[in-house]
Amino acid sequence: MQTVTLRLRVFGLDVDVDVPAERAESIRSQWAWCLPDSPAQRDIAPLPGAPELNDAPLTVTRGADGESDDHIADYNLTTSITREAIGRRAAQFVMLHAGGVAEPETGRVAGLVAASGTGKTTATRHFCSRGYGYVSDESLIIGEARAVMPYPKPLSVVIDPSKPYEKTQHDPGEVGLAFPPAGPLTLGPLVVLVRERGEEASGDIARLEHIHLFDGLAQVLPQSSAMPEIPGSLDVLARLAQGGGGVHEMHYREIAETEHLLRRALALEPLEPFWRHVPGAWGDTSPYLPPEQFPVDPDRVAEGLEVERARFVDALVDDEVMEAIVLLGATPVRMSGLATLVWDASAEPRDLEQLTAQCVAELGDHPDTTALVQEALVQMLADGVLRPVE
């Protein structure tokens, strides 16, 4: 098979793409906004304290069409380029699986967060064909001082809703999208897309809801890439979210109902940090290790089993309302009330008696305090939030 090499610029990296000669012109057109000389290109500084950048070119090969339509091979190529770039940029930038739309007057970018196949590309395409600049429909790359790097890849459009990972690739200009505005782009709000269908979607449901930051982070983190590798990852992401006005859910039936909601989101003022940051420690092990569960008999807890925090990547605590979010590997865990107190007090080994005394000191006495703390310990050990001290 005769091949042609195309040079792209993706995530600030040179990417050499080997493609079948007969597909070269089509693929070049699809990726026109990622060519090195495209007006869509921007460079941004990495996160403070990021490891030294490795800017050596990447090489990616598009396979032959085989028995499938060429759109499947084209989509697989898009996935490969994105995956390779994410791997190279791990720990250097915050990377969210989100659409990015830029306000033309300010360069402020709304991050539209959603899982693949659930409306992210449709929303991005809608807004960017109505005056907003197309930043990405896939990956939002954020560096120092909230700077955003465009990734204006081909627009990936689902062919059949029952097969969300089969998509056609389209040149953004071909489908009428606007370039991002000239000059710096800065992260604004994080907006979680919630498309409501069926009976619950009757009537006027379009609304923008501010949600507790920790609940928002729990939704955003599964739609991120390589966050555990960033030191202080939860604190970094929380500050980005607050700086754009917090995390909001955008509920809608059809995306055309939401243009006023996007304008409202982009007008949000920054919010102040309110949490206490508790950095994790991983030593020489991988931060991606899944939580290890420790099921124990409640009698062992009652007999004085000592527990401590299980290994975690990062954590934030809201002392005012006793809420917490803990990142175990790549899994965010939300805690509230008694569980937050127990986890916080278990920085050093503690047993049931000591933890009960701590909860009484914080919350006041209650006839069932010991039983409630015992129940919380058993559950938190089973969930891998705490571990026994053997």
Protein backbone atom coordinates (compact mmCIF):
# COMPACT_ATOMS: atom_id res chain seq x y z
CA MET A 1 0.00 0.00 0.00
CA GLN A 2 1.44 3.35 -1.06
CA THR A 3 1.37 5.91 1.77
CA VAL A 4 1.71 9.67 2.14
CA THR A 5 2.87 11.44 5.31
CA LEU A 6 0.84 14.43 6.51
CA ARG A 7 2.23 16.79 9.16
CA LEU A 8 -0.29 17.98 11.76
CA ARG A 9 0.02 20.09 14.91
CA VAL A 10 -1.91 18.58 17.81
CA PHE A 11 -1.70 19.46 21.54
CA GLY A 12 1.32 21.59 20.62
CA LEU A 13 3.04 18.53 19.12
CA ASP A 14 4.12 17.81 15.58
CA VAL A 15 2.34 14.64 14.43
CA ASP A 16 3.38 12.82 11.27
CA VAL A 17 0.45 10.79 9.98
CA ASP A 18 1.06 8.02 7.45
CA VAL A 19 -2.08 7.56 5.35
CA PRO A 20 -2.97 5.60 2.21
CA ALA A 21 -2.18 7.76 -0.81
CA GLU A 22 -5.73 7.53 -2.14
CA ARG A 23 -7.11 8.89 1.16
CA ALA A 24 -4.52 11.65 1.69
CA GLU A 25 -6.53 14.55 0.25
CA SER A 26 -9.68 13.62 2.17
CA ILE A 27 -7.83 13.27 5.47
CA ARG A 28 -5.90 16.49 4.90
CA SER A 29 -9.24 18.24 4.40
CA GLN A 30 -10.72 16.70 7.56
CA TRP A 31 -7.71 17.89 9.59
CA ALA A 32 -7.33 21.28 7.89
CA TRP A 33 -7.69 23.20 11.18
CA CYS A 34 -4.89 21.15 12.74
CA LEU A 35 -2.34 21.85 10.02
CA PRO A 36 0.74 23.65 11.43
CA ASP A 37 -0.10 26.92 9.64
CA SER A 38 -3.81 26.95 10.52
CA PRO A 39 -5.14 30.16 12.14
CA ALA A 40 -6.69 27.92 14.80
CA GLN A 41 -3.30 27.00 16.26
CA ARG A 42 -2.17 28.35 19.65
CA ASP A 43 0.68 27.50 22.01
CA ILE A 44 0.22 27.70 25.78
CA ALA A 45 2.49 27.28 28.78
CA PRO A 46 2.23 24.01 30.74
CA LEU A 47 1.05 23.79 34.33
CA PRO A 48 3.42 25.16 36.97
CA GLY A 49 5.72 22.38 38.12
CA ALA A 50 4.97 20.17 35.10
CA PRO A 51 7.72 17.79 33.97
CA GLU A 52 9.94 18.94 31.13
CA LEU A 53 8.07 18.91 27.84
CA ASN A 54 8.92 16.19 25.34
CA ASP A 55 8.22 17.84 21.99
CA ALA A 56 9.62 15.13 19.73
CA PRO A 57 7.24 14.48 16.82
CA LEU A 58 4.69 11.69 17.11
CA THR A 59 4.12 9.21 14.30
CA VAL A 60 0.68 7.70 13.74
CA THR A 61 -0.42 5.36 10.96
CA ARG A 62 -3.89 5.10 9.51
CA GLY A 63 -4.75 1.53 8.64
CA ALA A 64 -6.25 0.38 5.39
CA ASP A 65 -10.01 0.48 4.98
CA GLY A 66 -10.30 -3.29 4.83
CA GLU A 67 -13.85 -4.58 4.66
CA SER A 68 -15.28 -1.58 6.52
CA ASP A 69 -16.27 1.79 5.18
CA ASP A 70 -13.48 4.33 5.10
CA HIS A 71 -15.21 6.43 7.80
CA ILE A 72 -14.41 3.74 10.40
CA ALA A 73 -10.70 3.84 9.59
CA ASP A 74 -10.80 7.65 9.60
CA TYR A 75 -12.45 7.67 13.04
CA ASN A 76 -9.92 5.14 14.34
CA LEU A 77 -7.18 7.46 13.12
CA THR A 78 -8.73 10.36 15.03
CA THR A 79 -8.89 8.21 18.16
CA SER A 80 -5.25 7.13 17.73
CA ILE A 81 -3.98 10.69 17.29
CA THR A 82 -5.89 11.87 20.35
CA ARG A 83 -4.73 8.93 22.48
CA GLU A 84 -1.07 9.37 21.52
CA ALA A 85 -1.16 13.12 22.20
CA ILE A 86 -2.82 12.60 25.59
CA GLY A 87 -0.14 10.09 26.54
CA ARG A 88 2.62 12.51 25.63
CA ARG A 89 1.04 15.46 27.48
CA ALA A 90 0.17 13.61 30.71
CA ALA A 91 1.00 15.70 33.82
CA GLN A 92 1.77 18.74 31.64
CA PHE A 93 -1.77 20.00 31.04
CA VAL A 94 -5.26 19.43 32.41
CA MET A 95 -7.06 17.50 29.68
CA LEU A 96 -10.85 17.19 29.81
CA HIS A 97 -13.08 15.10 27.57
CA ALA A 98 -15.17 18.12 26.68
CA GLY A 99 -16.32 20.31 23.85
CA GLY A 100 -14.89 23.80 23.82
CA VAL A 101 -16.75 26.87 22.50
CA ALA A 102 -15.18 30.33 22.62
CA GLU A 103 -16.96 33.62 23.12
CA PRO A 104 -15.94 35.73 20.09
CA GLU A 105 -15.53 39.01 21.98
CA THR A 106 -13.50 37.77 24.95
CA GLY A 107 -11.93 34.43 24.02
CA ARG A 108 -13.52 32.92 27.13
CA VAL A 109 -14.09 29.20 26.59
CA ALA A 110 -16.99 27.17 27.98
CA GLY A 111 -16.12 23.53 28.58
CA LEU A 112 -19.06 21.30 27.64
CA VAL A 113 -18.45 18.10 29.59
CA ALA A 114 -20.17 14.85 28.58
CA ALA A 115 -19.39 11.21 27.91
CA SER A 116 -18.82 10.13 24.31
CA GLY A 117 -22.00 9.75 22.31
CA THR A 118 -24.21 11.77 24.68
CA GLY A 119 -24.49 15.11 22.88
CA LYS A 120 -21.15 16.87 23.23
CA THR A 121 -20.44 17.14 19.50
CA THR A 122 -24.04 18.12 18.72
CA ALA A 123 -23.88 20.92 21.30
CA THR A 124 -20.47 22.11 20.11
CA ARG A 125 -21.59 22.12 16.49
CA HIS A 126 -24.77 24.03 17.35
CA PHE A 127 -23.03 26.83 19.23
CA CYS A 128 -20.07 27.12 16.86
CA SER A 129 -22.33 27.49 13.84
CA ARG A 130 -23.96 30.46 15.60
CA GLY A 131 -20.99 32.69 16.25
CA TYR A 132 -18.98 30.91 18.93
CA GLY A 133 -15.47 29.78 18.02
CA TYR A 134 -14.75 26.08 17.62
CA VAL A 135 -12.07 24.97 20.10
CA SER A 136 -12.73 21.22 20.16
CA ASP A 137 -15.47 18.61 20.29
CA GLU A 138 -13.23 16.13 22.10
CA SER A 139 -10.39 17.39 24.31
CA LEU A 140 -10.03 20.63 26.21
CA ILE A 141 -6.35 21.31 26.99
CA ILE A 142 -5.70 23.77 29.83
CA GLY A 143 -2.37 25.09 31.01
CA GLU A 144 -0.92 27.84 33.13
CA ALA A 145 -3.16 30.79 34.04
CA ARG A 146 -6.25 29.00 32.67
CA ALA A 147 -4.95 29.23 29.09
CA VAL A 148 -6.70 26.95 26.59
CA MET A 149 -5.07 25.28 23.60
CA PRO A 150 -7.46 24.53 20.74
CA TYR A 151 -7.77 21.01 19.41
CA PRO A 152 -10.01 21.69 16.38
CA LYS A 153 -9.98 18.11 15.17
CA PRO A 154 -12.44 16.88 12.56
CA LEU A 155 -15.97 16.99 13.88
CA SER A 156 -16.92 13.41 14.83
CA VAL A 157 -20.61 12.85 14.06
CA VAL A 158 -22.42 9.69 15.19
CA ILE A 159 -23.92 7.78 12.25
CA ASP A 160 -26.29 5.52 14.20
CA PRO A 161 -27.27 6.39 17.81
CA SER A 162 -27.23 2.67 18.65
CA LYS A 163 -23.51 2.60 17.74
CA PRO A 164 -22.06 5.73 19.43
CA TYR A 165 -18.45 4.83 18.56
CA GLU A 166 -19.02 4.73 14.79
CA LYS A 167 -18.68 8.28 13.50
CA THR A 168 -17.97 10.20 10.34
CA GLN A 169 -15.24 12.85 10.29
CA HIS A 170 -15.91 16.34 8.94
CA ASP A 171 -13.74 19.38 8.28
CA PRO A 172 -15.05 22.01 10.78
CA GLY A 173 -15.25 24.63 8.05
CA GLU A 174 -17.21 22.29 5.80
CA VAL A 175 -20.04 22.16 8.36
CA GLY A 176 -20.01 25.92 8.97
CA LEU A 177 -18.12 26.24 12.24
CA ALA A 178 -16.30 29.46 13.16
CA PHE A 179 -12.61 29.76 13.97
CA PRO A 180 -11.80 30.57 17.59
CA PRO A 181 -11.16 34.30 18.02
CA ALA A 182 -7.62 35.55 17.52
CA GLY A 183 -5.46 35.91 20.60
CA PRO A 184 -5.38 34.08 23.92
CA LEU A 185 -8.18 31.73 24.92
CA THR A 186 -9.04 31.40 28.62
CA LEU A 187 -11.10 28.77 30.41
CA GLY A 188 -14.50 29.94 31.61
CA PRO A 189 -17.27 27.76 33.06
CA LEU A 190 -17.41 23.98 33.17
CA VAL A 191 -20.87 22.91 32.01
CA VAL A 192 -22.01 19.30 32.39
CA LEU A 193 -24.51 18.49 29.64
CA VAL A 194 -27.65 16.69 30.81
CA ARG A 195 -30.00 15.89 27.95
CA GLU A 196 -33.33 14.71 29.33
CA ARG A 197 -35.47 12.37 27.28
CA GLY A 198 -38.76 10.55 27.64
CA GLU A 199 -41.56 11.51 29.99
CA GLU A 200 -39.32 13.53 32.30
CA ALA A 201 -38.48 15.81 29.35
CA SER A 202 -41.99 17.23 28.92
CA GLY A 203 -42.51 20.97 29.26
CA ASP A 204 -39.84 23.66 29.50
CA ILE A 205 -36.91 21.92 31.17
CA ALA A 206 -34.02 24.07 29.88
CA ARG A 207 -32.13 25.31 32.93
CA LEU A 208 -28.65 25.97 34.27
CA GLU A 209 -28.06 24.59 37.77
CA HIS A 210 -25.07 25.37 39.95
CA ILE A 211 -24.04 22.23 41.82
CA HIS A 212 -21.77 21.76 44.81
CA LEU A 213 -18.20 21.86 43.59
CA PHE A 214 -17.39 18.39 44.93
CA ASP A 215 -20.40 16.89 43.15
CA GLY A 216 -19.29 18.67 40.00
CA LEU A 217 -15.75 17.36 40.28
CA ALA A 218 -17.12 13.84 40.75
CA GLN A 219 -18.86 14.24 37.37
CA VAL A 220 -15.97 15.93 35.58
CA LEU A 221 -13.16 13.63 36.73
CA PRO A 222 -14.39 10.55 34.82
CA GLN A 223 -14.30 12.77 31.72
CA SER A 224 -10.65 13.71 32.19
CA SER A 225 -7.34 12.24 31.07
CA ALA A 226 -4.28 11.56 33.23
CA MET A 227 -5.45 13.74 36.14
CA PRO A 228 -3.87 11.48 38.82
CA GLU A 229 -0.44 12.31 37.37
CA ILE A 230 -0.83 16.03 38.11
CA PRO A 231 0.43 16.94 41.61
CA GLY A 232 -2.48 18.26 43.66
CA SER A 233 -4.85 17.18 40.90
CA LEU A 234 -8.13 17.81 42.74
CA ASP A 235 -6.95 21.18 43.99
CA VAL A 236 -5.84 22.16 40.47
CA LEU A 237 -9.15 21.13 38.93
CA ALA A 238 -11.18 22.76 41.72
CA ARG A 239 -9.39 26.08 41.23
CA LEU A 240 -10.00 25.93 37.49
CA ALA A 241 -13.69 25.25 38.08
CA GLN A 242 -14.12 28.00 40.67
CA GLY A 243 -12.25 30.49 38.52
CA GLY A 244 -14.89 30.02 35.82
CA GLY A 245 -17.84 30.37 38.19
CA GLY A 246 -18.10 26.78 39.44
CA VAL A 247 -19.51 23.65 37.86
CA HIS A 248 -23.02 23.83 36.38
CA GLU A 249 -25.38 21.28 34.89
CA MET A 250 -27.17 22.37 31.72
CA HIS A 251 -30.46 20.48 31.46
CA TYR A 252 -32.23 20.49 28.12
CA ARG A 253 -34.36 18.52 25.72
CA GLU A 254 -32.94 20.03 22.51
CA ILE A 255 -29.70 21.98 22.42
CA ALA A 256 -31.40 24.83 20.49
CA GLU A 257 -33.20 25.69 23.76
CA THR A 258 -29.97 26.56 25.56
CA GLU A 259 -28.28 29.52 23.85
CA HIS A 260 -29.42 31.89 26.59
CA LEU A 261 -28.08 29.44 29.17
CA LEU A 262 -24.64 29.40 27.54
CA ARG A 263 -24.57 33.21 27.56
CA ARG A 264 -25.46 33.15 31.25
CA ALA A 265 -22.74 30.60 31.98
CA LEU A 266 -20.09 32.63 30.16
CA ALA A 267 -21.05 35.70 32.23
CA LEU A 268 -20.44 33.96 35.57
CA GLU A 269 -18.06 35.62 38.02
CA PRO A 270 -15.16 33.72 39.61
CA LEU A 271 -15.81 32.04 42.96
CA GLU A 272 -13.41 31.90 45.89
CA PRO A 273 -11.81 28.64 47.08
CA PHE A 274 -13.48 27.29 50.23
CA TRP A 275 -11.90 23.89 50.75
CA ARG A 276 -8.97 22.46 52.67
CA HIS A 277 -6.54 20.62 50.42
CA VAL A 278 -5.20 17.27 51.68
CA PRO A 279 -2.41 16.08 49.36
CA GLY A 280 -2.01 12.34 48.89
CA ALA A 281 1.23 10.37 48.77
CA TRP A 282 1.97 7.52 46.37
CA GLY A 283 5.70 7.01 46.65
CA ASP A 284 7.02 4.79 43.88
CA THR A 285 3.71 3.12 43.06
CA SER A 286 1.34 4.04 40.25
CA PRO A 287 -1.38 6.59 41.05
CA TYR A 288 -3.71 4.58 38.80
CA LEU A 289 -3.87 1.57 41.10
CA PRO A 290 -7.57 0.87 41.78
CA PRO A 291 -8.84 1.05 45.36
CA GLU A 292 -8.08 -2.08 47.39
CA GLN A 293 -11.10 -3.24 49.37
CA PHE A 294 -10.85 -4.48 52.94
CA PRO A 295 -14.03 -6.30 53.99
CA VAL A 296 -13.94 -7.00 57.74
CA ASP A 297 -16.31 -8.45 60.29
CA PRO A 298 -17.96 -5.73 62.40
CA ASP A 299 -16.82 -7.61 65.51
CA ARG A 300 -13.17 -6.96 64.59
CA VAL A 301 -13.90 -3.24 64.52
CA ALA A 302 -15.67 -3.47 67.89
CA GLU A 303 -12.67 -5.34 69.34
CA GLY A 304 -10.32 -2.43 68.62
CA LEU A 305 -9.05 -2.90 65.06
CA GLU A 306 -6.94 0.12 64.14
CA VAL A 307 -7.60 1.78 60.78
CA GLU A 308 -5.99 4.53 58.75
CA ARG A 309 -6.57 6.27 55.43
CA ALA A 310 -6.00 4.06 52.44
CA ARG A 311 -3.50 5.36 49.90
CA PHE A 312 -5.07 8.19 47.91
CA VAL A 313 -4.06 10.60 45.16
CA ASP A 314 -5.58 13.84 46.45
CA ALA A 315 -8.47 15.11 48.58
CA LEU A 316 -10.49 18.23 49.34
CA VAL A 317 -12.49 18.84 52.53
CA ASP A 318 -15.26 21.38 53.12
CA ASP A 319 -15.06 21.80 56.89
CA GLU A 320 -18.11 24.04 57.10
CA VAL A 321 -20.56 21.40 55.90
CA MET A 322 -18.46 18.26 56.51
CA GLU A 323 -18.16 17.26 52.86
CA ALA A 324 -15.16 15.71 51.15
CA ILE A 325 -14.00 14.30 47.84
CA VAL A 326 -11.13 11.83 47.72
CA LEU A 327 -9.40 10.60 44.57
CA LEU A 328 -8.57 6.88 44.89
CA GLY A 329 -6.54 6.04 41.81
CA ALA A 330 -8.67 7.52 39.02
CA THR A 331 -11.90 7.08 41.02
CA PRO A 332 -13.46 10.06 42.83
CA VAL A 333 -15.23 9.18 46.09
CA ARG A 334 -17.68 11.58 47.73
CA MET A 335 -18.15 11.61 51.48
CA SER A 336 -20.35 13.60 53.82
CA GLY A 337 -21.14 13.94 57.50
CA LEU A 338 -19.78 11.24 59.78
CA ALA A 339 -17.71 9.59 57.05
CA THR A 340 -15.86 12.86 56.42
CA LEU A 341 -14.99 13.19 60.12
CA VAL A 342 -13.86 9.57 60.34
CA TRP A 343 -11.68 9.85 57.23
CA ASP A 344 -10.18 13.15 58.37
CA ALA A 345 -9.37 11.78 61.82
CA SER A 346 -7.70 8.67 60.35
CA ALA A 347 -4.59 10.42 59.10
CA GLU A 348 -2.93 8.43 61.89
CA PRO A 349 -4.01 4.95 63.07
CA ARG A 350 -7.21 5.11 65.11
CA ASP A 351 -9.58 2.55 66.61
CA LEU A 352 -13.32 2.65 67.16
CA GLU A 353 -13.06 4.15 70.64
CA GLN A 354 -10.78 6.98 69.52
CA LEU A 355 -12.86 7.78 66.44
CA THR A 356 -16.08 7.75 68.46
CA ALA A 357 -14.55 10.22 70.91
CA GLN A 358 -13.49 12.44 68.02
CA CYS A 359 -17.01 12.42 66.54
CA VAL A 360 -18.56 13.22 69.94
CA ALA A 361 -16.15 16.13 70.34
CA GLU A 362 -17.11 17.50 66.92
CA LEU A 363 -20.83 16.70 66.77
CA GLY A 364 -21.93 16.25 70.35
CA ASP A 365 -23.02 13.09 72.16
CA HIS A 366 -25.64 10.74 70.76
CA PRO A 367 -26.77 7.36 72.13
CA ASP A 368 -25.97 5.63 68.83
CA THR A 369 -22.63 7.29 68.10
CA THR A 370 -20.54 4.16 68.64
CA ALA A 371 -22.82 2.03 66.46
CA LEU A 372 -22.88 4.66 63.72
CA VAL A 373 -19.10 5.03 63.71
CA GLN A 374 -18.69 1.24 63.67
CA GLU A 375 -21.04 0.99 60.69
CA ALA A 376 -19.15 3.77 58.88
CA LEU A 377 -15.80 2.05 59.48
CA VAL A 378 -17.02 -1.28 58.12
CA GLN A 379 -18.39 0.42 54.99
CA MET A 380 -15.30 2.60 54.43
CA LEU A 381 -13.02 -0.44 54.75
CA ALA A 382 -15.19 -2.33 52.25
CA ASP A 383 -15.00 0.63 49.86
CA GLY A 384 -11.22 0.95 50.19
CA VAL A 385 -11.35 4.45 51.67
CA LEU A 386 -9.76 3.16 54.89
CA ARG A 387 -7.46 0.21 55.45
CA PRO A 388 -6.71 -1.89 58.54
CA VAL A 389 -3.44 -1.40 60.36
CA GLU A 390 -2.07 -4.93 60.60
